[in-house]
Protein backbone atom coordinates (compact mmCIF):
# COMPACT_ATOMS: atom_id res chain seq x y z
CA MET A 1 76.45 111.38 108.03
CA ASN A 2 76.84 108.26 107.53
CA VAL A 3 79.51 107.04 104.16
CA LEU A 4 79.54 103.89 103.14
CA VAL A 5 83.24 103.48 100.85
CA VAL A 6 82.96 100.58 97.97
CA ARG A 7 86.03 98.84 97.80
CA LEU A 8 85.70 95.04 97.49
CA GLY A 9 89.43 93.91 96.14
CA ALA A 10 91.89 93.38 95.33
CA LEU A 11 94.59 93.50 97.98
CA GLY A 12 96.86 96.11 96.68
CA ASP A 13 93.85 98.18 95.42
CA ILE A 14 92.44 98.44 98.84
CA ILE A 15 95.96 99.49 99.94
CA HIS A 16 95.52 102.48 97.85
CA ALA A 17 92.09 103.54 98.67
CA ILE A 18 93.33 103.59 102.43
CA PRO A 19 94.55 107.02 101.73
CA ALA A 20 91.28 108.17 100.43
CA VAL A 21 89.48 106.74 103.69
CA ALA A 22 91.68 108.32 106.08
CA ALA A 23 91.18 111.88 104.45
CA LEU A 24 87.46 111.52 104.85
CA ARG A 25 87.92 110.64 108.32
CA GLU A 26 89.94 113.84 108.93
CA ALA A 27 88.05 116.05 106.76
CA PHE A 28 84.36 114.47 108.89
CA PRO A 29 85.61 113.35 112.00
CA THR A 30 82.78 112.73 114.05
CA ALA A 31 81.02 110.74 110.66
CA ARG A 32 80.65 107.19 110.19
CA ILE A 33 82.65 105.74 108.24
CA ASP A 34 81.99 102.18 106.82
CA TRP A 35 83.84 99.68 103.97
CA LEU A 36 81.69 96.96 102.52
CA VAL A 37 84.45 94.64 101.23
CA ASP A 38 84.73 90.92 100.04
CA ALA A 39 85.15 88.46 103.10
CA LYS A 40 88.44 87.29 101.92
CA HIS A 41 89.77 90.62 101.74
CA ARG A 42 88.48 91.93 105.34
CA ALA A 43 91.80 90.69 107.37
CA MET A 44 93.24 94.26 105.56
CA VAL A 45 90.36 96.87 105.55
CA ASP A 46 89.92 95.63 109.66
CA LEU A 47 92.84 96.68 110.60
CA VAL A 48 92.60 100.39 109.47
CA THR A 49 91.79 102.43 111.98
CA VAL A 50 89.60 105.19 110.64
CA VAL A 51 86.91 102.94 109.68
CA ASP A 52 84.45 102.01 112.16
CA THR A 53 82.37 99.13 110.84
CA VAL A 54 83.34 96.35 108.10
CA VAL A 55 80.79 95.30 106.29
CA THR A 56 81.04 92.11 104.09
CA LEU A 57 80.14 90.33 100.95
CA GLU A 58 80.56 86.59 102.10
CA ARG A 59 79.28 85.42 99.44
CA PRO A 60 79.08 86.86 95.10
CA THR A 61 75.39 84.59 95.31
CA LEU A 62 72.14 86.14 94.92
CA ALA A 63 71.45 84.97 98.85
CA GLY A 64 75.20 86.91 99.70
CA TRP A 65 73.75 89.75 97.86
CA THR A 66 70.58 90.03 99.24
CA GLY A 67 72.11 89.98 102.89
CA VAL A 68 74.64 92.45 102.59
CA VAL A 69 71.93 95.12 100.53
CA LYS A 70 69.83 94.39 103.50
CA ARG A 71 72.13 94.91 106.21
CA LEU A 72 73.27 98.21 104.20
CA ARG A 73 70.01 99.86 104.31
CA GLN A 74 69.48 99.52 107.54
CA THR A 75 72.38 101.91 108.04
CA ARG A 76 70.91 104.62 106.16
CA TYR A 77 73.75 106.35 104.66
CA ASP A 78 73.74 109.94 102.98
CA VAL A 79 76.39 108.98 100.61
CA ALA A 80 77.91 106.17 99.56
CA ILE A 81 81.92 106.12 97.54
CA ASP A 82 82.58 103.85 95.23
CA LEU A 83 86.49 103.75 94.89
CA GLN A 84 86.29 100.36 92.60
CA GLY A 85 84.52 101.50 89.24
CA LEU A 86 83.48 97.86 88.24
CA LEU A 87 79.40 97.31 87.69
CA LYS A 88 78.75 95.13 90.38
CA SER A 89 80.92 97.68 92.75
CA ALA A 90 78.46 100.88 91.21
CA LEU A 91 75.29 98.22 92.05
CA LEU A 92 76.20 97.34 95.85
CA ALA A 93 76.59 101.66 95.88
CA ARG A 94 73.00 101.87 94.98
CA ALA A 95 72.04 99.64 95.93
CA SER A 96 72.85 100.94 99.45
CA GLY A 97 70.14 103.43 99.54
CA ALA A 98 72.20 106.49 99.80
CA PRO A 99 70.59 109.51 97.76
CA ARG A 100 74.11 110.60 96.99
CA VAL A 101 76.09 107.85 95.24
CA ILE A 102 79.55 109.23 93.99
CA GLY A 103 81.91 107.02 91.40
CA PHE A 104 84.88 108.17 89.26
CA SER A 105 84.83 109.80 85.91
CA ILE A 106 83.56 107.29 82.62
CA TRP A 107 87.15 107.85 81.50
CA HIS A 108 88.45 106.30 84.54
CA LEU A 109 86.37 103.32 84.49
CA ARG A 110 87.08 100.03 84.38
CA GLU A 111 83.92 99.27 83.06
CA LYS A 112 81.85 101.27 81.97
CA THR A 113 78.87 100.63 82.39
CA ALA A 114 78.70 101.31 85.98
CA ARG A 115 78.10 105.08 85.09
CA PRO A 116 74.63 105.44 85.08
CA PHE A 117 74.01 103.95 88.98
CA TYR A 118 76.51 106.91 89.98
CA SER A 119 74.45 110.50 90.66
CA GLN A 120 78.29 111.82 90.95
CA THR A 121 80.99 111.12 89.31
CA GLY A 122 84.76 113.26 89.66
CA GLY A 123 88.84 111.81 89.94
CA SER A 124 89.48 113.62 86.71
CA THR A 125 91.79 116.56 86.46
CA GLY A 126 89.41 117.71 83.86
CA LEU A 127 87.25 116.96 81.35
CA ARG A 128 89.10 114.05 79.55
CA ALA A 129 90.55 111.27 78.90
CA PRO A 130 93.99 111.02 81.50
CA ALA A 131 96.74 111.75 79.28
CA ARG A 132 100.43 109.14 79.38
CA SER A 133 102.01 112.92 79.72
CA GLU A 134 100.31 114.05 82.83
CA ALA A 135 102.75 114.09 85.55
CA PRO A 136 103.73 110.08 87.53
CA GLU A 137 101.79 111.56 90.35
CA SER A 138 98.99 112.40 89.04
CA ARG A 139 98.13 109.26 87.43
CA HIS A 140 98.62 107.05 90.41
CA VAL A 141 95.67 105.82 92.00
CA ILE A 142 96.46 107.03 95.07
CA HIS A 143 95.71 109.98 93.60
CA LYS A 144 93.33 109.55 91.79
CA ASN A 145 91.29 108.25 94.55
CA LEU A 146 91.92 111.68 96.64
CA ARG A 147 90.52 113.28 93.81
CA LEU A 148 87.07 111.53 93.47
CA LEU A 149 86.96 113.07 96.95
CA TRP A 150 86.63 116.27 95.89
CA THR A 151 83.03 116.46 94.95
CA LEU A 152 82.78 116.22 98.91
CA GLY A 153 84.78 119.14 99.18
CA VAL A 154 87.72 117.31 100.51
CA GLU A 155 90.57 118.89 98.18
CA HIS A 156 93.93 118.57 100.65
CA GLY A 157 94.28 114.64 101.14
CA ARG A 158 97.46 113.34 102.20
CA ILE A 159 99.09 110.05 101.56
CA VAL A 160 98.74 108.83 105.13
CA PHE A 161 97.70 104.95 105.90
CA PRO A 162 96.14 104.56 109.45
CA ILE A 163 97.05 100.36 109.43
CA ALA A 164 97.06 99.50 113.34
CA ARG A 165 100.43 96.96 114.63
CA VAL A 166 99.71 93.53 115.33
CA GLU A 167 101.20 90.49 117.58
CA SER A 168 104.09 88.85 114.76
CA ARG A 169 105.08 85.47 115.69
CA ALA A 170 106.27 85.18 112.09
CA LEU A 171 108.54 88.47 112.86
CA ALA A 172 109.72 86.77 115.94
CA ASP A 173 110.97 83.53 114.13
CA VAL A 174 112.48 85.67 111.35
CA ARG A 175 114.67 87.99 113.68
CA SER A 176 115.37 84.53 115.72
CA ALA A 177 116.73 83.08 112.51
CA VAL A 178 118.28 86.27 111.14
CA GLY A 179 119.55 87.61 114.96
CA GLU A 180 118.20 89.97 116.51
CA GLY A 181 118.87 93.73 115.15
CA GLN A 182 120.69 92.62 112.10
CA PRO A 183 119.51 93.92 108.88
CA PHE A 184 116.67 91.63 106.67
CA ALA A 185 115.26 92.04 103.13
CA LEU A 186 112.20 90.38 101.55
CA ILE A 187 111.67 88.88 98.65
CA ASN A 188 108.37 88.39 96.83
CA PRO A 189 108.78 86.49 93.96
CA GLY A 190 105.26 85.15 93.37
CA ALA A 191 102.42 87.19 91.61
CA ALA A 192 98.92 86.81 91.08
CA TRP A 193 99.01 86.96 87.47
CA PRO A 194 101.97 84.46 85.54
CA ASN A 195 103.45 87.22 83.15
CA LYS A 196 104.07 89.36 87.11
CA ARG A 197 106.91 86.79 88.08
CA TRP A 198 110.55 87.44 87.93
CA HIS A 199 112.70 84.41 87.21
CA ALA A 200 113.37 83.16 90.30
CA GLU A 201 116.78 82.07 90.04
CA ARG A 202 117.55 86.09 89.53
CA PHE A 203 115.82 86.39 92.42
CA GLY A 204 118.30 84.03 93.88
CA GLU A 205 121.41 85.62 92.47
CA VAL A 206 119.28 89.11 94.44
CA ALA A 207 119.67 87.16 97.36
CA ALA A 208 122.77 86.15 96.95
CA PHE A 209 124.34 90.07 96.30
CA LEU A 210 122.49 91.03 99.76
CA ARG A 211 124.92 89.15 101.91
CA ASP A 212 127.84 89.64 99.62
CA VAL A 213 127.92 92.85 98.83
CA ARG A 214 125.60 93.86 101.73
CA GLY A 215 125.60 92.17 104.46
CA MET A 216 121.78 91.43 104.45
CA ALA A 217 119.92 87.92 105.21
CA SER A 218 116.94 87.57 102.62
CA ILE A 219 113.40 85.69 103.56
CA VAL A 220 111.42 84.68 100.67
CA LEU A 221 108.17 85.84 101.12
CA TRP A 222 105.22 83.38 99.33
CA GLY A 223 101.19 83.05 99.76
CA PRO A 224 98.90 79.85 98.85
CA GLY A 225 101.00 77.65 96.68
CA GLU A 226 104.77 78.88 96.69
CA GLU A 227 106.29 77.74 98.65
CA PRO A 228 107.81 75.69 95.78
CA LEU A 229 108.40 79.27 94.58
CA ALA A 230 109.95 80.64 97.35
CA ARG A 231 112.29 77.15 97.79
CA THR A 232 113.71 77.80 94.21
CA VAL A 233 114.70 81.19 95.21
CA ALA A 234 116.34 80.19 98.35
CA ASP A 235 117.90 77.34 96.67
CA ARG A 236 119.21 79.97 93.66
CA SER A 237 120.78 82.00 96.82
CA LEU A 238 123.71 80.06 97.27
CA GLY A 239 122.81 79.80 100.89
CA ALA A 240 122.05 83.68 101.62
CA ALA A 241 117.84 83.12 101.87
CA ARG A 242 115.73 81.28 103.92
CA VAL A 243 111.94 80.70 103.44
CA ALA A 244 109.63 82.80 105.59
CA PRO A 245 107.35 80.69 107.72
CA PRO A 246 103.74 80.50 106.43
CA THR A 247 102.29 84.60 107.52
CA SER A 248 99.39 86.01 108.00
CA LEU A 249 97.97 88.90 106.48
CA GLY A 250 99.55 90.79 110.31
CA ASP A 251 102.92 89.39 109.89
CA LEU A 252 103.41 90.66 106.60
CA LEU A 253 102.65 93.90 107.81
CA GLU A 254 105.13 93.32 110.63
CA LEU A 255 107.76 91.49 108.41
CA SER A 256 107.80 94.56 106.31
CA ARG A 257 107.69 97.48 109.03
CA ALA A 258 110.47 95.59 110.46
CA ALA A 259 112.56 95.16 106.78
CA SER A 260 115.77 96.54 105.65
CA LEU A 261 114.59 96.46 101.80
CA MET A 262 111.55 94.71 99.45
CA ILE A 263 112.18 93.45 95.91
CA SER A 264 108.72 92.42 94.39
CA GLY A 265 106.61 92.68 91.58
CA ASP A 266 103.33 93.83 91.44
CA THR A 267 101.31 92.77 93.77
CA GLY A 268 99.54 92.77 96.95
CA PRO A 269 102.72 92.43 99.46
CA LEU A 270 104.27 95.06 97.47
CA HIS A 271 101.91 97.36 98.11
CA ILE A 272 101.83 96.86 102.23
CA ALA A 273 105.67 97.21 102.51
CA ALA A 274 105.27 100.63 101.04
CA ALA A 275 101.54 101.82 102.71
CA VAL A 276 104.24 101.20 105.86
CA GLY A 277 107.11 102.77 104.70
CA THR A 278 109.69 99.96 103.40
CA PRO A 279 111.93 101.07 101.34
CA VAL A 280 111.01 99.41 97.92
CA VAL A 281 112.65 97.67 94.74
CA ALA A 282 109.83 96.97 92.53
CA VAL A 283 110.27 94.83 89.18
CA PHE A 284 107.58 95.40 86.64
CA GLY A 285 105.78 94.35 84.00
CA PRO A 286 102.33 94.40 81.92
CA THR A 287 101.12 97.27 84.73
CA ASP A 288 102.08 101.24 84.80
CA PRO A 289 104.24 102.09 87.18
CA ALA A 290 103.27 105.69 87.36
CA ARG A 291 99.73 104.14 87.74
CA ASN A 292 99.74 101.09 90.42
CA GLY A 293 103.71 101.01 91.42
CA PRO A 294 105.01 102.28 94.85
CA TRP A 295 104.58 106.14 95.22
CA ALA A 296 107.80 107.13 97.71
CA PRO A 297 109.81 109.45 95.62
CA SER A 298 113.32 107.68 96.68
CA ASP A 299 111.56 104.20 96.26
CA VAL A 300 113.32 102.61 92.23
CA THR A 301 110.95 100.55 89.71
CA VAL A 302 112.90 98.68 87.44
CA SER A 303 110.16 98.77 84.09
CA ARG A 304 109.21 97.33 80.86
CA PHE A 305 106.25 98.70 80.70
CA GLY A 306 106.79 100.63 77.69
CA ALA A 307 108.19 97.14 75.76
CA CYS A 308 104.99 95.49 77.14
CA GLY A 309 102.50 94.15 74.25
CA CYS A 310 99.59 92.96 77.17
CA HIS A 311 99.38 96.01 79.06
CA TYR A 312 96.93 94.80 82.14
CA GLU A 313 96.57 91.29 80.80
CA ARG A 314 96.73 88.45 82.89
CA ARG A 315 99.12 86.20 80.83
CA CYS A 316 101.60 87.48 78.03
CA HIS A 317 100.62 86.34 74.52
CA ARG A 318 103.43 87.47 72.70
CA ASP A 319 106.22 85.18 71.56
CA GLY A 320 109.17 87.66 73.74
CA TRP A 321 107.92 88.03 77.76
CA CYS A 322 108.81 91.54 78.63
CA LEU A 323 110.31 90.62 82.30
CA ALA A 324 112.53 88.23 80.69
CA ASP A 325 115.67 90.61 79.92
CA VAL A 326 115.49 92.49 83.29
CA THR A 327 118.48 91.22 84.18
CA VAL A 328 120.00 91.11 88.04
CA ALA A 329 122.59 93.90 87.62
CA GLU A 330 119.63 96.03 86.71
CA VAL A 331 117.71 95.16 89.55
CA THR A 332 121.07 95.56 92.44
CA ALA A 333 122.04 98.57 90.51
CA ALA A 334 118.37 99.68 92.16
CA ILE A 335 118.92 98.39 94.77
CA GLN A 336 122.62 100.12 94.96
CA GLN A 337 120.38 103.19 94.26
CA ARG A 338 117.25 102.53 96.56
CA LEU A 339 119.85 101.74 99.86
CA SER A 340 121.87 104.99 98.93
CA VAL A 341 118.58 106.95 100.53
CA VAL A 342 118.75 107.00 104.74
CA ARG A 343 114.93 105.61 105.31
CA THR A 344 113.40 108.29 107.78
């Protein structure tokens, strides 16, 4: 059997799709499982050990689409699974030529116009809209992705992340800076959505707490355009935090595996850390942690989702930004709670 998984991006969503792909491999060990992804996110999918071939959408142009569709059709897929729920992802799944195209039920589609391109739908716990009163684990996107596989008879998928190990120069540099064998925390102040970013100076105060109370150094992560933000955190930490060296995706994975704690908003590095088992303290505003947050029972989220008036919007348009009143004391209490649980 030849299976195509379509999940183009973004980084956190790709992480959340990995358990479903792992469940496919466990259920169909001899199948060919390929993954279609945007070229800018290929580095993550390349490290998913249960994927046979990574197919990239190089450019969002007519030529880019024509080229990738031609390549997909050459494989003769038996089934295409759209784990994204957008019109473009549904179109690509259908254009692959697979006779069976599986996507989410209409209640779970980000774009309802995707529905006509599916031959079969799933992902729901029933024939109704998902209710806020449902158990949090039933609403998480990881479980939604796993439920979609029920259409293929895969009903007992485990949450596992088969991600390869890589060599990391950045990890070697961090170990040299903090001392070999010494614990360190990762602080990730950035996010693509401005309203997901907690105050940089408060992250700095958290770093000072980690040093003074937990005896733990802090490394401040940064991505493209975020180095000044990271330096602000370090400057406000009273010497407790260091700015991380430039990091590749592989570096971020290995830093997370070695770290004793990750503190972050809802963004890719948070989900990477959760996937490799790093203890996590998350700060959530416009997105629902029950749907998008850390999934390990021992991880802790400081959330303002209930008070946020801009759910799933990139920018706050209210007078009172929901993360403005998240205090350092709340986050440090969450850290104490999380670190009281022994890491296994």
